[in-house]
Amino acid sequence: MFGSPEARALHARYPAIDLHADSLMWSRWTGYDIHQRHEPPLPLAALGGHVDVPRMIEGGVGAQFFGLVSVPFPSRGLAAVIDEQIDRLDAAVAQHPDRIFKARTADDVRRAAAAGAVAGLLGIEGGHALEGRLDKLDHFARRGVRYLGLCHFSANELCYPAYGRGRKDTHGLTAFGREVVECAADLGVIVDLAHINKQGFLDACALSRYPPIVSHTGVLGAFDHWRNIDDEQLRAIADKGGVIGVIFCPRYLGADGIGPVVKHLRHIVDVCGEDTPALGSDWDGFIIPTSDLRDAARLPLLTDALLEGGFSEETIAKILRRNALRVLTDNPLPK
């Protein structure tokens, strides 16, 4: 068991919500069983093997947003790849419904915690998965998807990446991208602005009727890297009532260890206040996570670092859980 009694007590009161892990990608590719306890298969916990139900429960993780990943080369069959990953979560829930709930709402997340289970939520990483069709977004929403990342590492029908294939820094959302943001609001799908270029980011914030998120990122005010977002972007999210999940990857944090994670969270608090920061690990996402947070069981170590850094219990509760719950509530599902 990791973390002090004080940290573990906080997790018992405020089971953490992590905004991004790509575990279902591994489940689809390799048959990775999220009900089995794993050890990361490579030195330094590289690439994958970071998340499963036993370690989430051990680490006080009450809810995990699973990123649904499709590689846009070739450009056909992308929606089917997303459906296959949703199928993997559905199968895991059917196998042990007492251990993992498929969740859509804040109330679902609370019910999972009350039952001693974890909540599995869904978010798509990259608007290319829509294959240029709004009806695909409706389809995925009906299957339980709660956020849509407009971009990943390549340009698509909606927008352009901060870095990668088709990068165009001066271009914002396309006409279709604007349609998608509007449609997402109607469907209760949260707009996720991880990976998108700055102009598209600001366009989407301006258009959003409900709070957007950045599911997994670092911040430029803590470390200068192309992957990280600047203070203008932080404020654009905060002004809409959204949240920003801090990634656990040293490459984007600036160094290994828990200290850099705390530094990025503190910068968000300093710029936006305590209602904006959240957790966005990117576990299982082809990253080497910071060594102290190399799997879900170790998350209370971060809570210890926040306590040692002078963060109040109220602020820690918001970082762990309350901010993400609020955004789920404030993006209403259609009646």
Protein backbone atom coordinates (compact mmCIF):
# COMPACT_ATOMS: atom_id res chain seq x y z
CA MET A 1 0.00 0.00 0.00
CA PHE A 2 1.34 3.42 -0.97
CA GLY A 3 0.89 6.75 0.76
CA SER A 4 0.50 7.91 4.34
CA PRO A 5 -2.59 7.20 6.44
CA GLU A 6 -3.54 10.86 5.95
CA ALA A 7 -3.35 10.60 2.16
CA ARG A 8 -5.26 7.34 2.09
CA ALA A 9 -7.95 8.85 4.29
CA LEU A 10 -8.36 11.68 1.79
CA HIS A 11 -8.76 9.17 -1.03
CA ALA A 12 -11.40 7.34 1.01
CA ARG A 13 -13.35 10.59 1.32
CA TYR A 14 -12.61 11.83 -2.18
CA PRO A 15 -11.96 8.86 -4.50
CA ALA A 16 -9.87 10.27 -7.33
CA ILE A 17 -11.05 10.80 -10.89
CA ASP A 18 -8.40 10.53 -13.59
CA LEU A 19 -9.30 12.11 -16.91
CA HIS A 20 -7.22 10.02 -19.29
CA ALA A 21 -5.76 6.52 -19.57
CA ASP A 22 -5.50 4.45 -22.74
CA SER A 23 -5.97 1.02 -21.14
CA LEU A 24 -8.76 -0.12 -23.47
CA MET A 25 -6.40 0.31 -26.40
CA TRP A 26 -4.17 -2.38 -24.85
CA SER A 27 -7.20 -4.47 -24.03
CA ARG A 28 -8.26 -4.41 -27.68
CA TRP A 29 -4.75 -5.09 -29.01
CA THR A 30 -3.45 -7.68 -26.55
CA GLY A 31 -6.40 -8.89 -24.51
CA TYR A 32 -5.08 -6.97 -21.48
CA ASP A 33 -7.44 -7.88 -18.62
CA ILE A 34 -8.24 -4.85 -16.48
CA HIS A 35 -9.56 -7.16 -13.74
CA GLN A 36 -6.16 -8.75 -13.22
CA ARG A 37 -3.42 -7.06 -11.22
CA HIS A 38 -0.44 -6.40 -13.50
CA GLU A 39 3.10 -5.23 -13.13
CA PRO A 40 4.39 -2.89 -15.85
CA PRO A 41 6.13 -5.23 -18.31
CA LEU A 42 9.12 -3.06 -19.18
CA PRO A 43 11.79 -1.22 -17.17
CA LEU A 44 10.69 2.13 -15.76
CA ALA A 45 7.05 1.20 -16.42
CA ALA A 46 7.35 2.20 -20.06
CA LEU A 47 4.41 2.49 -22.42
CA GLY A 48 1.69 0.45 -20.73
CA GLY A 49 0.59 -1.83 -17.93
CA HIS A 50 -0.24 1.04 -15.59
CA VAL A 51 -3.96 0.62 -14.84
CA ASP A 52 -6.22 -2.20 -13.71
CA VAL A 53 -9.14 -2.49 -11.30
CA PRO A 54 -7.16 -3.95 -8.36
CA ARG A 55 -4.58 -1.16 -8.50
CA MET A 56 -7.24 1.53 -8.97
CA ILE A 57 -9.00 0.32 -5.82
CA GLU A 58 -5.71 0.09 -3.95
CA GLY A 59 -4.73 3.60 -5.05
CA GLY A 60 -8.02 5.23 -4.17
CA VAL A 61 -8.97 5.89 -7.79
CA GLY A 62 -12.74 6.04 -7.86
CA ALA A 63 -13.21 6.74 -11.56
CA GLN A 64 -11.15 6.41 -14.70
CA PHE A 65 -11.84 8.05 -18.03
CA PHE A 66 -10.61 5.60 -20.65
CA GLY A 67 -9.33 7.28 -23.80
CA LEU A 68 -10.52 5.59 -27.00
CA VAL A 69 -7.70 5.65 -29.52
CA SER A 70 -7.67 5.14 -33.28
CA VAL A 71 -4.70 5.65 -35.58
CA PRO A 72 -5.83 7.63 -38.67
CA PHE A 73 -3.68 5.72 -41.16
CA PRO A 74 -5.47 4.52 -43.21
CA SER A 75 -8.50 6.72 -42.74
CA ARG A 76 -11.11 3.96 -42.99
CA GLY A 77 -12.69 1.92 -40.22
CA LEU A 78 -11.81 4.39 -37.47
CA ALA A 79 -15.25 4.40 -35.86
CA ALA A 80 -15.21 0.61 -35.69
CA VAL A 81 -11.96 0.73 -33.73
CA ILE A 82 -13.65 2.98 -31.17
CA ASP A 83 -16.62 0.63 -30.94
CA GLU A 84 -14.29 -2.31 -30.30
CA GLN A 85 -12.74 -0.53 -27.33
CA ILE A 86 -16.17 0.35 -25.93
CA ASP A 87 -17.02 -3.34 -26.31
CA ARG A 88 -14.01 -4.17 -24.12
CA LEU A 89 -15.28 -1.98 -21.30
CA ASP A 90 -18.77 -3.42 -21.64
CA ALA A 91 -17.32 -6.92 -21.40
CA ALA A 92 -15.29 -6.03 -18.32
CA VAL A 93 -18.40 -4.59 -16.65
CA ALA A 94 -20.42 -7.70 -17.53
CA GLN A 95 -17.69 -9.93 -16.12
CA HIS A 96 -17.56 -8.22 -12.71
CA PRO A 97 -20.38 -5.68 -12.31
CA ASP A 98 -19.60 -5.46 -8.60
CA ARG A 99 -16.08 -4.16 -9.29
CA ILE A 100 -16.48 -1.73 -12.19
CA PHE A 101 -19.48 0.33 -13.27
CA LYS A 102 -19.89 1.88 -16.70
CA ALA A 103 -20.58 5.48 -15.83
CA ARG A 104 -21.91 8.53 -17.64
CA THR A 105 -22.95 10.91 -14.89
CA ALA A 106 -21.65 12.28 -11.62
CA ASP A 107 -24.35 10.24 -9.85
CA ASP A 108 -23.03 7.08 -11.53
CA VAL A 109 -19.55 7.89 -10.21
CA ARG A 110 -20.93 8.41 -6.71
CA ARG A 111 -22.86 5.12 -6.86
CA ALA A 112 -19.70 3.27 -7.82
CA ALA A 113 -17.83 4.76 -4.86
CA ALA A 114 -20.67 3.86 -2.48
CA ALA A 115 -20.48 0.26 -3.71
CA GLY A 116 -16.70 0.05 -3.32
CA ALA A 117 -16.27 -0.23 -7.07
CA VAL A 118 -14.61 1.96 -9.69
CA ALA A 119 -16.40 3.90 -12.40
CA GLY A 120 -15.30 3.51 -15.99
CA LEU A 121 -16.02 6.48 -18.24
CA LEU A 122 -15.27 6.97 -21.92
CA GLY A 123 -13.63 9.70 -23.97
CA ILE A 124 -12.52 9.67 -27.60
CA GLU A 125 -9.00 10.86 -28.42
CA GLY A 126 -9.17 12.55 -31.80
CA GLY A 127 -12.06 13.79 -33.92
CA HIS A 128 -10.83 11.77 -36.91
CA ALA A 129 -12.76 8.87 -35.33
CA LEU A 130 -15.98 10.54 -36.47
CA GLU A 131 -14.97 9.95 -40.10
CA GLY A 132 -16.38 13.38 -40.97
CA ARG A 133 -19.91 12.47 -39.88
CA LEU A 134 -22.00 14.06 -37.13
CA ASP A 135 -24.12 10.92 -36.82
CA LYS A 136 -21.04 9.11 -35.54
CA LEU A 137 -20.88 11.49 -32.59
CA ASP A 138 -24.52 10.72 -31.81
CA HIS A 139 -23.75 7.00 -32.05
CA PHE A 140 -20.83 7.24 -29.64
CA ALA A 141 -22.79 9.40 -27.21
CA ARG A 142 -25.50 6.74 -27.13
CA ARG A 143 -22.81 4.18 -26.27
CA GLY A 144 -21.71 6.23 -23.28
CA VAL A 145 -18.90 8.45 -24.56
CA ARG A 146 -18.70 11.57 -22.39
CA TYR A 147 -15.88 13.54 -24.01
CA LEU A 148 -14.49 14.07 -27.47
CA GLY A 149 -10.89 15.15 -27.95
CA LEU A 150 -11.08 17.25 -31.09
CA CYS A 151 -7.53 16.45 -32.15
CA HIS A 152 -4.68 14.00 -31.63
CA PHE A 153 -1.36 14.03 -33.50
CA SER A 154 -2.67 14.78 -36.99
CA ALA A 155 -4.99 17.21 -38.75
CA ASN A 156 -8.51 15.99 -39.27
CA GLU A 157 -11.84 17.26 -40.56
CA LEU A 158 -12.33 19.37 -37.41
CA CYS A 159 -9.03 21.04 -36.61
CA TYR A 160 -5.22 21.00 -36.57
CA PRO A 161 -2.76 19.61 -34.01
CA ALA A 162 -0.38 21.54 -31.77
CA TYR A 163 2.28 19.26 -33.21
CA GLY A 164 2.23 16.55 -35.82
CA ARG A 165 1.01 15.74 -39.32
CA GLY A 166 -0.82 18.64 -40.98
CA ARG A 167 0.11 21.20 -38.31
CA LYS A 168 -1.09 24.74 -39.17
CA ASP A 169 -0.59 27.11 -36.28
CA THR A 170 -2.64 29.99 -37.72
CA HIS A 171 -5.71 27.90 -38.56
CA GLY A 172 -8.58 27.46 -36.13
CA LEU A 173 -11.55 25.12 -36.19
CA THR A 174 -12.94 24.16 -39.56
CA ALA A 175 -16.62 24.67 -40.36
CA PHE A 176 -17.17 21.00 -39.53
CA GLY A 177 -15.26 21.45 -36.29
CA ARG A 178 -17.64 24.21 -35.28
CA GLU A 179 -20.59 21.97 -36.08
CA VAL A 180 -19.11 19.25 -33.91
CA VAL A 181 -18.67 21.58 -30.93
CA GLU A 182 -22.30 22.65 -31.24
CA CYS A 183 -23.53 19.09 -31.65
CA ALA A 184 -21.47 17.91 -28.69
CA ALA A 185 -23.28 20.37 -26.46
CA ASP A 186 -26.64 19.01 -27.60
CA LEU A 187 -25.53 15.44 -26.87
CA GLY A 188 -23.88 16.01 -23.49
CA VAL A 189 -20.42 15.28 -24.89
CA ILE A 190 -17.69 17.33 -23.22
CA VAL A 191 -15.22 19.04 -25.55
CA ASP A 192 -11.63 17.98 -24.79
CA LEU A 193 -8.86 20.30 -26.02
CA ALA A 194 -5.79 18.15 -25.44
CA HIS A 195 -3.44 18.12 -28.46
CA ILE A 196 -5.19 20.82 -30.50
CA ASN A 197 -3.35 23.94 -31.71
CA LYS A 198 -3.84 27.19 -29.84
CA GLN A 199 -6.14 28.89 -32.36
CA GLY A 200 -8.45 25.90 -32.48
CA PHE A 201 -8.32 25.70 -28.70
CA LEU A 202 -9.44 29.30 -28.30
CA ASP A 203 -12.10 28.92 -31.00
CA ALA A 204 -13.57 25.92 -29.21
CA CYS A 205 -13.57 27.67 -25.84
CA ALA A 206 -15.39 30.64 -27.35
CA LEU A 207 -18.01 28.38 -28.96
CA SER A 208 -18.56 26.01 -26.03
CA ARG A 209 -21.89 26.36 -24.27
CA TYR A 210 -20.74 24.13 -21.42
CA PRO A 211 -17.40 23.69 -19.61
CA PRO A 212 -14.65 22.14 -21.76
CA ILE A 213 -11.67 20.20 -20.46
CA VAL A 214 -8.06 19.52 -21.29
CA SER A 215 -7.88 15.86 -20.32
CA HIS A 216 -4.10 15.48 -20.15
CA THR A 217 -1.48 18.21 -20.54
CA GLY A 218 1.35 20.13 -18.95
CA VAL A 219 1.46 23.90 -18.62
CA LEU A 220 3.97 26.28 -20.17
CA GLY A 221 4.18 28.37 -17.02
CA ALA A 222 5.78 25.38 -15.29
CA PHE A 223 7.83 23.97 -18.20
CA ASP A 224 8.40 25.17 -21.76
CA HIS A 225 7.38 22.40 -24.19
CA TRP A 226 5.26 22.34 -27.36
CA ARG A 227 2.83 19.88 -25.73
CA ASN A 228 1.98 22.29 -22.92
CA ILE A 229 -0.61 25.07 -22.85
CA ASP A 230 -0.04 28.71 -21.93
CA ASP A 231 -1.72 31.01 -19.41
CA GLU A 232 -4.13 32.42 -21.99
CA GLN A 233 -5.37 28.91 -22.66
CA LEU A 234 -5.60 28.17 -18.94
CA ARG A 235 -7.76 31.23 -18.43
CA ALA A 236 -9.94 30.39 -21.45
CA ILE A 237 -10.77 27.02 -19.86
CA ALA A 238 -11.29 28.53 -16.40
CA ASP A 239 -13.54 31.26 -17.74
CA LYS A 240 -15.88 28.56 -19.05
CA GLY A 241 -15.80 26.62 -15.78
CA GLY A 242 -13.70 23.82 -17.25
CA VAL A 243 -10.86 21.73 -15.83
CA ILE A 244 -7.31 20.88 -16.83
CA GLY A 245 -5.84 17.44 -16.13
CA VAL A 246 -2.11 17.43 -15.44
CA ILE A 247 -0.23 14.67 -17.23
CA PHE A 248 2.24 12.39 -15.39
CA CYS A 249 4.86 12.27 -18.16
CA PRO A 250 8.32 13.71 -17.25
CA ARG A 251 8.92 14.64 -20.87
CA TYR A 252 6.20 17.27 -20.61
CA LEU A 253 6.58 18.04 -16.91
CA GLY A 254 10.28 18.92 -17.21
CA ALA A 255 11.71 16.27 -14.88
CA ASP A 256 10.99 12.98 -13.17
CA GLY A 257 9.44 12.74 -9.72
CA ILE A 258 6.27 13.94 -8.06
CA GLY A 259 7.61 17.47 -7.55
CA PRO A 260 7.08 18.50 -11.19
CA VAL A 261 3.45 17.24 -11.10
CA VAL A 262 2.85 19.42 -8.04
CA LYS A 263 4.56 22.36 -9.78
CA HIS A 264 2.19 22.16 -12.75
CA LEU A 265 -0.87 21.83 -10.51
CA ARG A 266 0.29 24.79 -8.43
CA HIS A 267 0.71 26.94 -11.53
CA ILE A 268 -2.87 26.21 -12.58
CA VAL A 269 -4.09 27.17 -9.11
CA ASP A 270 -2.00 30.36 -9.18
CA VAL A 271 -3.37 31.41 -12.58
CA CYS A 272 -6.95 30.14 -12.41
CA GLY A 273 -7.79 29.25 -8.83
CA GLU A 274 -8.57 25.93 -7.20
CA ASP A 275 -11.62 25.10 -9.35
CA THR A 276 -9.57 24.34 -12.48
CA PRO A 277 -6.86 21.70 -11.80
CA ALA A 278 -7.51 17.97 -12.12
CA LEU A 279 -5.63 14.75 -12.84
CA GLY A 280 -4.86 13.57 -16.38
CA SER A 281 -2.26 10.84 -15.99
CA ASP A 282 -2.07 9.49 -19.56
CA TRP A 283 -1.33 6.09 -18.05
CA ASP A 284 -1.13 3.34 -20.69
CA GLY A 285 -0.70 6.04 -23.33
CA PHE A 286 2.71 5.19 -24.79
CA ILE A 287 4.42 7.39 -22.20
CA ILE A 288 6.96 6.57 -19.52
CA PRO A 289 5.19 8.06 -16.48
CA THR A 290 7.03 9.71 -13.65
CA SER A 291 8.59 6.88 -11.66
CA ASP A 292 6.77 7.61 -8.39
CA LEU A 293 3.40 7.54 -10.16
CA ARG A 294 4.06 4.68 -12.51
CA ASP A 295 0.75 2.98 -11.85
CA ALA A 296 -2.65 3.67 -10.32
CA ALA A 297 -1.79 2.11 -6.96
CA ARG A 298 0.75 4.86 -6.28
CA LEU A 299 -1.59 7.84 -6.61
CA PRO A 300 -1.73 8.53 -2.83
CA LEU A 301 1.95 9.47 -3.07
CA LEU A 302 0.87 12.53 -5.06
CA THR A 303 -1.66 13.40 -2.38
CA ASP A 304 1.11 13.22 0.21
CA ALA A 305 3.18 15.62 -1.91
CA LEU A 306 0.24 18.01 -2.14
CA LEU A 307 -0.18 17.92 1.64
CA GLU A 308 3.52 18.54 2.12
CA GLY A 309 3.30 21.39 -0.39
CA GLY A 310 0.74 23.21 1.72
CA PHE A 311 -2.37 22.48 -0.37
CA SER A 312 -5.51 22.57 1.76
CA GLU A 313 -7.81 19.58 2.09
CA GLU A 314 -10.46 21.49 0.14
CA THR A 315 -8.09 22.15 -2.76
CA ILE A 316 -6.88 18.53 -2.76
CA ALA A 317 -10.49 17.33 -2.79
CA LYS A 318 -11.14 19.48 -5.85
CA ILE A 319 -8.01 18.24 -7.65
CA LEU A 320 -8.75 14.61 -6.86
CA ARG A 321 -12.47 14.60 -7.56
CA ARG A 322 -14.75 17.55 -7.16
CA ASN A 323 -13.67 19.60 -10.15
CA ALA A 324 -14.14 16.70 -12.55
CA LEU A 325 -17.49 15.79 -10.99
CA ARG A 326 -18.67 19.37 -11.41
CA VAL A 327 -17.84 19.37 -15.12
CA LEU A 328 -19.72 16.09 -15.60
CA THR A 329 -22.76 17.71 -13.97
CA ASP A 330 -22.39 20.99 -15.86
CA ASN A 331 -22.40 19.24 -19.25
CA PRO A 332 -26.00 17.98 -19.13
CA LEU A 333 -27.14 14.88 -20.93
CA PRO A 334 -30.15 15.27 -23.21
CA LYS A 335 -33.49 14.38 -21.61
